[in-house]
Every structure is written in C-alpha cells, then in structure tokens.
Amino acid sequence: MTFPTTAVELGMADLTVYSTTWCGFCRRLKLQLDQAGIAYDEIDIERTPDAARFVESANGGNQTVPTLAFRDGTTLTNPSLAEVRSHLAA
C-alpha cells in the first residue's frame, strides 16, 4: 500500500515516524532519534486517517506505533535506536 505525500516520497527525511501523542514508546524513540541527530518527519495517525490505514497495512491490521517508514519503502515497528541506525546504514 502506498501512502502518498509522506516525507519518504518527498525526500525530506530518511524516515517517517508514525505515532500518537500518548504513546510512550513513540516519545522515547523520538527523543533518542533527536539525541542521535537523525532527522525524521512525524505523522500522528490519530489526526491523519490515511496514515492510520498505512500503519494497519504494515502491521497486520493493527495500529501499532511507533511504525517507521524508510526511503526504500520498508518499515519497522517499535524498533530500537540500534535497529534504526543499522537500517539507515544498509
């Protein structure tokens, strides 16, 4: 499934973080990304229905966050900072 006009497609950042405002795992990962100097764009799936559908398509129908979408079209769900770094280096 393609989610149009994301930062991944626009080339603005190497990854897009799909999250919610109340998600502790999202807050922790975004803080780690910020501290590591890794640029990302964020989309709140509760405010963007198409983003929620994209997250569901990446997670077997579940709205599991954080879900990260990378420039190469792959996704990771609730990854560690080490997993993100490894994926970006590949």
N, C-alpha and C. Protein backbone atom coordinates (compact mmCIF):
# COMPACT_ATOMS: atom_id res chain seq x y z
N MET A 1 0.85 -1.18 0.00
CA MET A 1 0.00 0.00 0.00
C MET A 1 0.89 1.23 0.00
N THR A 2 0.54 2.19 -0.80
CA THR A 2 1.31 3.43 -0.87
C THR A 2 0.60 4.51 -0.10
N PHE A 3 1.35 5.23 0.71
CA PHE A 3 0.80 6.36 1.43
C PHE A 3 1.39 7.60 0.79
N PRO A 4 0.61 8.35 0.01
CA PRO A 4 1.15 9.48 -0.76
C PRO A 4 1.56 10.66 0.11
N THR A 5 2.48 11.41 -0.44
CA THR A 5 2.96 12.68 0.11
C THR A 5 3.60 12.56 1.48
N THR A 6 4.19 11.42 1.78
CA THR A 6 4.97 11.32 3.01
C THR A 6 6.35 11.88 2.75
N ALA A 7 7.08 12.13 3.80
CA ALA A 7 8.44 12.63 3.67
C ALA A 7 9.31 11.62 2.93
N VAL A 8 9.00 10.33 3.07
CA VAL A 8 9.77 9.31 2.37
C VAL A 8 9.67 9.55 0.87
N GLU A 9 8.46 9.81 0.37
CA GLU A 9 8.29 10.06 -1.06
C GLU A 9 8.81 11.42 -1.47
N LEU A 10 8.71 12.40 -0.60
CA LEU A 10 9.14 13.75 -0.94
C LEU A 10 10.63 13.94 -0.78
N GLY A 11 11.29 12.99 -0.13
CA GLY A 11 12.73 13.09 0.06
C GLY A 11 13.16 14.09 1.11
N MET A 12 12.29 14.44 2.02
CA MET A 12 12.61 15.44 3.03
C MET A 12 13.42 14.85 4.18
N ALA A 13 13.21 13.59 4.51
CA ALA A 13 13.93 12.93 5.59
C ALA A 13 14.13 11.48 5.18
N ASP A 14 15.08 10.82 5.82
CA ASP A 14 15.32 9.41 5.51
C ASP A 14 14.24 8.50 6.08
N LEU A 15 13.49 9.01 7.04
CA LEU A 15 12.43 8.18 7.59
C LEU A 15 11.27 9.03 8.08
N THR A 16 10.13 8.36 8.17
CA THR A 16 8.92 8.96 8.72
C THR A 16 8.49 8.13 9.92
N VAL A 17 8.20 8.81 11.03
CA VAL A 17 7.74 8.14 12.24
C VAL A 17 6.23 8.35 12.33
N TYR A 18 5.49 7.25 12.32
CA TYR A 18 4.05 7.27 12.53
C TYR A 18 3.83 7.04 14.01
N SER A 19 3.10 7.94 14.65
CA SER A 19 2.99 7.90 16.11
C SER A 19 1.64 8.43 16.56
N THR A 20 1.49 8.50 17.89
CA THR A 20 0.36 9.19 18.52
C THR A 20 0.94 10.06 19.63
N THR A 21 0.15 10.99 20.11
CA THR A 21 0.63 11.90 21.15
C THR A 21 0.80 11.20 22.50
N TRP A 22 0.05 10.14 22.75
CA TRP A 22 0.04 9.49 24.06
C TRP A 22 0.98 8.29 24.16
N CYS A 23 1.65 7.94 23.08
CA CYS A 23 2.47 6.72 23.03
C CYS A 23 3.84 6.94 23.67
N GLY A 24 4.08 6.26 24.79
CA GLY A 24 5.36 6.38 25.48
C GLY A 24 6.52 5.83 24.66
N PHE A 25 6.30 4.74 23.94
CA PHE A 25 7.36 4.19 23.09
C PHE A 25 7.73 5.18 21.98
N CYS A 26 6.72 5.89 21.47
CA CYS A 26 6.98 6.90 20.43
C CYS A 26 7.82 8.04 20.99
N ARG A 27 7.44 8.53 22.14
CA ARG A 27 8.19 9.63 22.77
C ARG A 27 9.64 9.24 23.02
N ARG A 28 9.84 8.02 23.54
CA ARG A 28 11.20 7.55 23.82
C ARG A 28 12.03 7.46 22.54
N LEU A 29 11.48 6.85 21.49
CA LEU A 29 12.23 6.70 20.24
C LEU A 29 12.52 8.06 19.61
N LYS A 30 11.55 8.97 19.61
CA LYS A 30 11.78 10.29 19.02
C LYS A 30 12.87 11.05 19.79
N LEU A 31 12.88 10.92 21.11
CA LEU A 31 13.93 11.55 21.92
C LEU A 31 15.29 10.96 21.54
N GLN A 32 15.36 9.65 21.40
CA GLN A 32 16.62 9.01 21.02
C GLN A 32 17.07 9.44 19.63
N LEU A 33 16.14 9.53 18.69
CA LEU A 33 16.47 9.99 17.34
C LEU A 33 16.98 11.42 17.37
N ASP A 34 16.32 12.27 18.15
CA ASP A 34 16.74 13.67 18.29
C ASP A 34 18.15 13.74 18.86
N GLN A 35 18.41 12.98 19.91
CA GLN A 35 19.72 13.00 20.55
C GLN A 35 20.82 12.46 19.63
N ALA A 36 20.45 11.53 18.75
CA ALA A 36 21.41 10.95 17.81
C ALA A 36 21.57 11.81 16.55
N GLY A 37 20.75 12.86 16.43
CA GLY A 37 20.84 13.73 15.26
C GLY A 37 20.28 13.11 14.00
N ILE A 38 19.34 12.18 14.14
CA ILE A 38 18.71 11.52 12.99
C ILE A 38 17.43 12.27 12.65
N ALA A 39 17.39 12.82 11.46
CA ALA A 39 16.22 13.60 11.02
C ALA A 39 15.06 12.66 10.67
N TYR A 40 13.87 13.09 11.00
CA TYR A 40 12.67 12.32 10.67
C TYR A 40 11.50 13.28 10.54
N ASP A 41 10.50 12.81 9.87
CA ASP A 41 9.22 13.51 9.84
C ASP A 41 8.25 12.67 10.65
N GLU A 42 7.30 13.34 11.28
CA GLU A 42 6.35 12.65 12.15
C GLU A 42 4.94 12.86 11.64
N ILE A 43 4.16 11.77 11.67
CA ILE A 43 2.75 11.84 11.31
C ILE A 43 1.95 11.20 12.42
N ASP A 44 1.00 11.95 12.98
CA ASP A 44 0.11 11.47 14.03
C ASP A 44 -1.03 10.70 13.37
N ILE A 45 -1.10 9.39 13.63
CA ILE A 45 -2.10 8.58 12.95
C ILE A 45 -3.52 8.86 13.44
N GLU A 46 -3.65 9.51 14.59
CA GLU A 46 -4.99 9.86 15.06
C GLU A 46 -5.54 11.09 14.37
N ARG A 47 -4.70 11.85 13.75
CA ARG A 47 -5.13 13.06 13.03
C ARG A 47 -5.15 12.86 11.53
N THR A 48 -4.58 11.75 11.07
CA THR A 48 -4.45 11.51 9.62
C THR A 48 -4.95 10.10 9.32
N PRO A 49 -6.22 9.96 8.93
CA PRO A 49 -6.79 8.64 8.70
C PRO A 49 -6.01 7.79 7.69
N ASP A 50 -5.50 8.39 6.63
CA ASP A 50 -4.72 7.63 5.65
C ASP A 50 -3.46 7.06 6.28
N ALA A 51 -2.87 7.79 7.20
CA ALA A 51 -1.67 7.31 7.89
C ALA A 51 -2.03 6.13 8.79
N ALA A 52 -3.17 6.19 9.44
CA ALA A 52 -3.61 5.07 10.27
C ALA A 52 -3.79 3.82 9.41
N ARG A 53 -4.36 3.97 8.22
CA ARG A 53 -4.52 2.83 7.32
C ARG A 53 -3.17 2.28 6.87
N PHE A 54 -2.20 3.18 6.62
CA PHE A 54 -0.86 2.74 6.24
C PHE A 54 -0.24 1.91 7.37
N VAL A 55 -0.35 2.40 8.60
CA VAL A 55 0.19 1.68 9.75
C VAL A 55 -0.48 0.32 9.89
N GLU A 56 -1.79 0.27 9.70
CA GLU A 56 -2.50 -1.00 9.75
C GLU A 56 -1.98 -1.96 8.68
N SER A 57 -1.71 -1.44 7.49
CA SER A 57 -1.23 -2.31 6.41
C SER A 57 0.17 -2.85 6.69
N ALA A 58 0.95 -2.12 7.45
CA ALA A 58 2.31 -2.54 7.79
C ALA A 58 2.35 -3.47 9.00
N ASN A 59 1.23 -3.56 9.73
CA ASN A 59 1.22 -4.29 11.00
C ASN A 59 0.05 -5.27 11.12
N GLY A 60 -0.26 -5.93 10.04
CA GLY A 60 -1.29 -6.97 10.09
C GLY A 60 -2.64 -6.50 10.55
N GLY A 61 -3.00 -5.26 10.22
CA GLY A 61 -4.30 -4.71 10.60
C GLY A 61 -4.32 -3.97 11.92
N ASN A 62 -3.18 -3.93 12.62
CA ASN A 62 -3.11 -3.25 13.91
C ASN A 62 -2.53 -1.85 13.78
N GLN A 63 -3.00 -0.94 14.60
CA GLN A 63 -2.46 0.42 14.63
C GLN A 63 -1.34 0.48 15.67
N THR A 64 -0.24 -0.20 15.39
CA THR A 64 0.88 -0.29 16.31
C THR A 64 1.87 0.83 16.01
N VAL A 65 2.19 1.61 17.03
CA VAL A 65 3.15 2.70 16.89
C VAL A 65 4.20 2.59 17.97
N PRO A 66 5.41 3.09 17.73
CA PRO A 66 5.81 3.77 16.50
C PRO A 66 6.05 2.78 15.36
N THR A 67 5.60 3.18 14.19
CA THR A 67 5.93 2.49 12.96
C THR A 67 6.76 3.45 12.15
N LEU A 68 7.90 2.99 11.66
CA LEU A 68 8.80 3.82 10.87
C LEU A 68 8.78 3.37 9.42
N ALA A 69 8.68 4.32 8.50
CA ALA A 69 8.76 4.05 7.07
C ALA A 69 10.05 4.67 6.55
N PHE A 70 10.82 3.88 5.83
CA PHE A 70 12.11 4.32 5.31
C PHE A 70 12.01 4.65 3.83
N ARG A 71 12.98 5.39 3.34
CA ARG A 71 13.02 5.84 1.96
C ARG A 71 12.93 4.66 0.98
N ASP A 72 13.48 3.50 1.37
CA ASP A 72 13.47 2.34 0.47
C ASP A 72 12.13 1.61 0.47
N GLY A 73 11.15 2.12 1.23
CA GLY A 73 9.82 1.53 1.25
C GLY A 73 9.60 0.50 2.34
N THR A 74 10.64 0.18 3.11
CA THR A 74 10.50 -0.79 4.19
C THR A 74 9.99 -0.11 5.45
N THR A 75 9.51 -0.92 6.38
CA THR A 75 9.00 -0.40 7.65
C THR A 75 9.58 -1.20 8.81
N LEU A 76 9.64 -0.57 9.96
CA LEU A 76 9.98 -1.23 11.22
C LEU A 76 8.94 -0.78 12.25
N THR A 77 8.55 -1.69 13.11
CA THR A 77 7.59 -1.38 14.16
C THR A 77 8.27 -1.45 15.51
N ASN A 78 8.15 -0.38 16.26
CA ASN A 78 8.73 -0.24 17.59
C ASN A 78 10.19 -0.68 17.64
N PRO A 79 11.01 -0.13 16.74
CA PRO A 79 12.41 -0.54 16.71
C PRO A 79 13.23 0.15 17.80
N SER A 80 14.38 -0.43 18.08
CA SER A 80 15.34 0.23 18.96
C SER A 80 16.11 1.25 18.13
N LEU A 81 16.82 2.15 18.80
CA LEU A 81 17.66 3.10 18.08
C LEU A 81 18.72 2.36 17.28
N ALA A 82 19.27 1.28 17.83
CA ALA A 82 20.29 0.49 17.13
C ALA A 82 19.72 -0.10 15.84
N GLU A 83 18.47 -0.55 15.88
CA GLU A 83 17.85 -1.10 14.66
C GLU A 83 17.66 -0.01 13.61
N VAL A 84 17.27 1.18 14.04
CA VAL A 84 17.10 2.30 13.10
C VAL A 84 18.43 2.65 12.47
N ARG A 85 19.47 2.78 13.30
CA ARG A 85 20.79 3.11 12.77
C ARG A 85 21.27 2.06 11.78
N SER A 86 21.09 0.80 12.11
CA SER A 86 21.50 -0.28 11.24
C SER A 86 20.77 -0.23 9.91
N HIS A 87 19.47 0.02 9.97
CA HIS A 87 18.67 0.09 8.74
C HIS A 87 19.09 1.27 7.87
N LEU A 88 19.36 2.40 8.49
CA LEU A 88 19.77 3.58 7.72
C LEU A 88 21.16 3.39 7.10
N ALA A 89 22.01 2.60 7.74
CA ALA A 89 23.36 2.38 7.25
C ALA A 89 23.40 1.37 6.10
N ALA A 90 22.35 0.55 5.98
CA ALA A 90 22.33 -0.52 4.97
C ALA A 90 22.19 0.04 3.56
